[in-house]
Amino acid sequence: MDNHFKIIEEALEGIRPYLKADGGDISLVEVSDELVVKVKLLGACVDCPMSYQTMKNGVEQVIKKAVPEVKEVVAVNNN
């Protein structure tokens, strides 16, 4: 599982510049045994009305390309 975490973190590094350009960022929280990836949106991404589309059409696609076995990517809110 640690290998998946590393690969996913590397995939996120590839999209971070785009998120940061809009004042946001993303943090990898967990990769479950069932290969559900939990991420935390940061900065401007937290309140962005496009965050769901960013998650599904951007982040999830990049992660699934890196690790096709991933079932789902979900954003968690630690508030």
N, C-alpha and C. Protein backbone atom coordinates (compact mmCIF):
# COMPACT_ATOMS: atom_id res chain seq x y z
N MET A 1 0.82 -1.20 0.00
CA MET A 1 0.00 0.00 0.00
C MET A 1 0.86 1.26 0.00
N ASP A 2 2.03 1.20 0.65
CA ASP A 2 2.92 2.35 0.68
C ASP A 2 3.37 2.73 -0.72
N ASN A 3 3.53 1.72 -1.58
CA ASN A 3 3.93 1.98 -2.96
C ASN A 3 2.85 2.78 -3.68
N HIS A 4 1.57 2.42 -3.47
CA HIS A 4 0.47 3.17 -4.07
C HIS A 4 0.49 4.62 -3.59
N PHE A 5 0.72 4.80 -2.29
CA PHE A 5 0.74 6.14 -1.71
C PHE A 5 1.80 6.99 -2.41
N LYS A 6 2.99 6.41 -2.60
CA LYS A 6 4.08 7.14 -3.23
C LYS A 6 3.74 7.50 -4.68
N ILE A 7 3.19 6.55 -5.42
CA ILE A 7 2.83 6.78 -6.83
C ILE A 7 1.76 7.86 -6.92
N ILE A 8 0.77 7.80 -6.03
CA ILE A 8 -0.32 8.79 -6.05
C ILE A 8 0.22 10.17 -5.68
N GLU A 9 1.10 10.22 -4.70
CA GLU A 9 1.70 11.50 -4.31
C GLU A 9 2.47 12.10 -5.49
N GLU A 10 3.18 11.26 -6.22
CA GLU A 10 3.92 11.74 -7.40
C GLU A 10 2.95 12.25 -8.47
N ALA A 11 1.82 11.57 -8.65
CA ALA A 11 0.82 12.02 -9.63
C ALA A 11 0.25 13.37 -9.22
N LEU A 12 0.01 13.56 -7.93
CA LEU A 12 -0.51 14.83 -7.44
C LEU A 12 0.49 15.96 -7.65
N GLU A 13 1.77 15.64 -7.55
CA GLU A 13 2.80 16.66 -7.79
C GLU A 13 2.66 17.23 -9.20
N GLY A 14 2.21 16.41 -10.14
CA GLY A 14 2.05 16.87 -11.51
C GLY A 14 0.92 17.86 -11.72
N ILE A 15 -0.09 17.80 -10.85
CA ILE A 15 -1.22 18.74 -11.01
C ILE A 15 -1.18 19.89 -10.02
N ARG A 16 -0.31 19.80 -9.02
CA ARG A 16 -0.21 20.88 -8.03
C ARG A 16 0.03 22.25 -8.64
N PRO A 17 0.90 22.38 -9.64
CA PRO A 17 1.12 23.72 -10.20
C PRO A 17 -0.17 24.37 -10.73
N TYR A 18 -1.05 23.57 -11.27
CA TYR A 18 -2.32 24.11 -11.80
C TYR A 18 -3.22 24.57 -10.66
N LEU A 19 -3.27 23.79 -9.58
CA LEU A 19 -4.07 24.18 -8.43
C LEU A 19 -3.49 25.42 -7.76
N LYS A 20 -2.17 25.46 -7.63
CA LYS A 20 -1.52 26.59 -6.99
C LYS A 20 -1.67 27.87 -7.82
N ALA A 21 -1.75 27.73 -9.13
CA ALA A 21 -1.94 28.89 -9.99
C ALA A 21 -3.25 29.60 -9.69
N ASP A 22 -4.23 28.83 -9.18
CA ASP A 22 -5.53 29.40 -8.82
C ASP A 22 -5.65 29.64 -7.32
N GLY A 23 -4.53 29.54 -6.60
CA GLY A 23 -4.53 29.80 -5.17
C GLY A 23 -4.91 28.62 -4.31
N GLY A 24 -4.90 27.43 -4.88
CA GLY A 24 -5.28 26.23 -4.12
C GLY A 24 -4.14 25.24 -4.02
N ASP A 25 -4.46 24.11 -3.43
CA ASP A 25 -3.50 23.01 -3.31
C ASP A 25 -4.27 21.77 -2.91
N ILE A 26 -3.55 20.66 -2.79
CA ILE A 26 -4.18 19.39 -2.42
C ILE A 26 -3.21 18.59 -1.58
N SER A 27 -3.75 17.85 -0.64
CA SER A 27 -2.93 17.02 0.24
C SER A 27 -3.48 15.60 0.23
N LEU A 28 -2.61 14.63 0.07
CA LEU A 28 -3.01 13.22 0.12
C LEU A 28 -3.15 12.81 1.57
N VAL A 29 -4.34 12.36 1.95
CA VAL A 29 -4.64 12.02 3.33
C VAL A 29 -4.47 10.52 3.57
N GLU A 30 -5.07 9.70 2.69
CA GLU A 30 -5.08 8.26 2.94
C GLU A 30 -5.35 7.50 1.65
N VAL A 31 -4.79 6.31 1.58
CA VAL A 31 -5.14 5.34 0.54
C VAL A 31 -5.61 4.11 1.30
N SER A 32 -6.90 3.82 1.23
CA SER A 32 -7.45 2.71 2.01
C SER A 32 -7.06 1.36 1.39
N ASP A 33 -7.28 0.31 2.15
CA ASP A 33 -7.02 -1.05 1.66
C ASP A 33 -7.88 -1.36 0.44
N GLU A 34 -9.04 -0.70 0.34
CA GLU A 34 -9.94 -0.90 -0.80
C GLU A 34 -9.58 0.00 -1.98
N LEU A 35 -8.46 0.72 -1.84
CA LEU A 35 -7.98 1.65 -2.87
C LEU A 35 -8.95 2.80 -3.13
N VAL A 36 -9.49 3.33 -2.05
CA VAL A 36 -10.22 4.59 -2.08
C VAL A 36 -9.22 5.64 -1.59
N VAL A 37 -9.02 6.65 -2.41
CA VAL A 37 -8.04 7.69 -2.10
C VAL A 37 -8.76 8.88 -1.48
N LYS A 38 -8.25 9.32 -0.33
CA LYS A 38 -8.80 10.49 0.34
C LYS A 38 -7.80 11.62 0.24
N VAL A 39 -8.29 12.76 -0.22
CA VAL A 39 -7.46 13.95 -0.35
C VAL A 39 -8.13 15.11 0.36
N LYS A 40 -7.34 16.09 0.71
CA LYS A 40 -7.88 17.31 1.31
C LYS A 40 -7.56 18.47 0.38
N LEU A 41 -8.59 19.19 -0.01
CA LEU A 41 -8.40 20.38 -0.82
C LEU A 41 -8.02 21.53 0.10
N LEU A 42 -7.09 22.34 -0.36
CA LEU A 42 -6.56 23.43 0.45
C LEU A 42 -6.68 24.76 -0.26
N GLY A 43 -6.59 25.84 0.50
CA GLY A 43 -6.60 27.19 -0.07
C GLY A 43 -7.88 27.49 -0.81
N ALA A 44 -7.74 28.09 -1.98
CA ALA A 44 -8.90 28.50 -2.77
C ALA A 44 -9.76 27.32 -3.21
N CYS A 45 -9.18 26.12 -3.26
CA CYS A 45 -9.93 24.93 -3.69
C CYS A 45 -11.05 24.57 -2.71
N VAL A 46 -10.89 24.97 -1.45
CA VAL A 46 -11.87 24.60 -0.42
C VAL A 46 -13.25 25.16 -0.75
N ASP A 47 -13.31 26.42 -1.12
CA ASP A 47 -14.60 27.08 -1.35
C ASP A 47 -14.94 27.25 -2.83
N CYS A 48 -14.12 26.70 -3.68
CA CYS A 48 -14.34 26.87 -5.12
C CYS A 48 -15.57 26.11 -5.58
N PRO A 49 -16.47 26.79 -6.32
CA PRO A 49 -17.67 26.09 -6.81
C PRO A 49 -17.33 25.01 -7.84
N MET A 50 -16.14 25.04 -8.39
CA MET A 50 -15.73 24.04 -9.37
C MET A 50 -14.96 22.88 -8.75
N SER A 51 -14.87 22.83 -7.42
CA SER A 51 -14.02 21.83 -6.77
C SER A 51 -14.47 20.41 -7.07
N TYR A 52 -15.78 20.16 -7.16
CA TYR A 52 -16.25 18.81 -7.47
C TYR A 52 -15.77 18.39 -8.86
N GLN A 53 -15.91 19.29 -9.83
CA GLN A 53 -15.46 18.98 -11.18
C GLN A 53 -13.95 18.83 -11.23
N THR A 54 -13.23 19.65 -10.48
CA THR A 54 -11.78 19.52 -10.40
C THR A 54 -11.42 18.14 -9.87
N MET A 55 -12.14 17.70 -8.84
CA MET A 55 -11.88 16.39 -8.26
C MET A 55 -12.13 15.27 -9.26
N LYS A 56 -13.28 15.27 -9.89
CA LYS A 56 -13.67 14.16 -10.77
C LYS A 56 -12.97 14.21 -12.13
N ASN A 57 -12.87 15.38 -12.71
CA ASN A 57 -12.32 15.49 -14.07
C ASN A 57 -10.81 15.74 -14.09
N GLY A 58 -10.26 16.12 -12.97
CA GLY A 58 -8.83 16.40 -12.93
C GLY A 58 -8.09 15.44 -12.03
N VAL A 59 -8.30 15.60 -10.73
CA VAL A 59 -7.55 14.83 -9.74
C VAL A 59 -7.80 13.33 -9.89
N GLU A 60 -9.05 12.93 -9.94
CA GLU A 60 -9.36 11.50 -10.05
C GLU A 60 -8.79 10.89 -11.32
N GLN A 61 -8.88 11.60 -12.42
CA GLN A 61 -8.34 11.09 -13.69
C GLN A 61 -6.84 10.88 -13.61
N VAL A 62 -6.12 11.85 -13.03
CA VAL A 62 -4.66 11.77 -12.91
C VAL A 62 -4.27 10.59 -12.02
N ILE A 63 -4.97 10.44 -10.90
CA ILE A 63 -4.66 9.36 -9.97
C ILE A 63 -4.96 8.00 -10.60
N LYS A 64 -6.11 7.87 -11.26
CA LYS A 64 -6.47 6.59 -11.88
C LYS A 64 -5.55 6.24 -13.04
N LYS A 65 -5.01 7.23 -13.70
CA LYS A 65 -4.04 6.96 -14.76
C LYS A 65 -2.75 6.40 -14.16
N ALA A 66 -2.36 6.93 -13.00
CA ALA A 66 -1.14 6.47 -12.33
C ALA A 66 -1.34 5.11 -11.66
N VAL A 67 -2.53 4.90 -11.07
CA VAL A 67 -2.85 3.65 -10.38
C VAL A 67 -4.26 3.24 -10.81
N PRO A 68 -4.38 2.50 -11.91
CA PRO A 68 -5.69 2.14 -12.44
C PRO A 68 -6.60 1.36 -11.47
N GLU A 69 -6.02 0.72 -10.47
CA GLU A 69 -6.82 -0.05 -9.51
C GLU A 69 -7.61 0.81 -8.53
N VAL A 70 -7.32 2.11 -8.48
CA VAL A 70 -8.02 3.01 -7.57
C VAL A 70 -9.51 2.99 -7.90
N LYS A 71 -10.31 2.82 -6.85
CA LYS A 71 -11.78 2.76 -7.02
C LYS A 71 -12.41 4.14 -7.10
N GLU A 72 -11.94 5.05 -6.24
CA GLU A 72 -12.57 6.36 -6.14
C GLU A 72 -11.62 7.33 -5.45
N VAL A 73 -11.78 8.60 -5.76
CA VAL A 73 -11.05 9.66 -5.07
C VAL A 73 -12.09 10.57 -4.43
N VAL A 74 -11.94 10.78 -3.13
CA VAL A 74 -12.90 11.63 -2.42
C VAL A 74 -12.15 12.71 -1.65
N ALA A 75 -12.79 13.86 -1.56
CA ALA A 75 -12.24 14.96 -0.78
C ALA A 75 -12.81 14.86 0.64
N VAL A 76 -11.95 15.01 1.60
CA VAL A 76 -12.39 14.99 3.00
C VAL A 76 -12.23 16.39 3.57
N ASN A 77 -13.08 16.70 4.51
CA ASN A 77 -13.05 17.99 5.16
C ASN A 77 -12.73 17.76 6.62
N ASN A 78 -11.64 18.32 7.11
CA ASN A 78 -11.24 18.09 8.49
C ASN A 78 -11.78 19.12 9.46
N ASN A 79 -12.82 19.82 9.08
CA ASN A 79 -13.40 20.82 9.99
C ASN A 79 -14.20 20.14 11.07
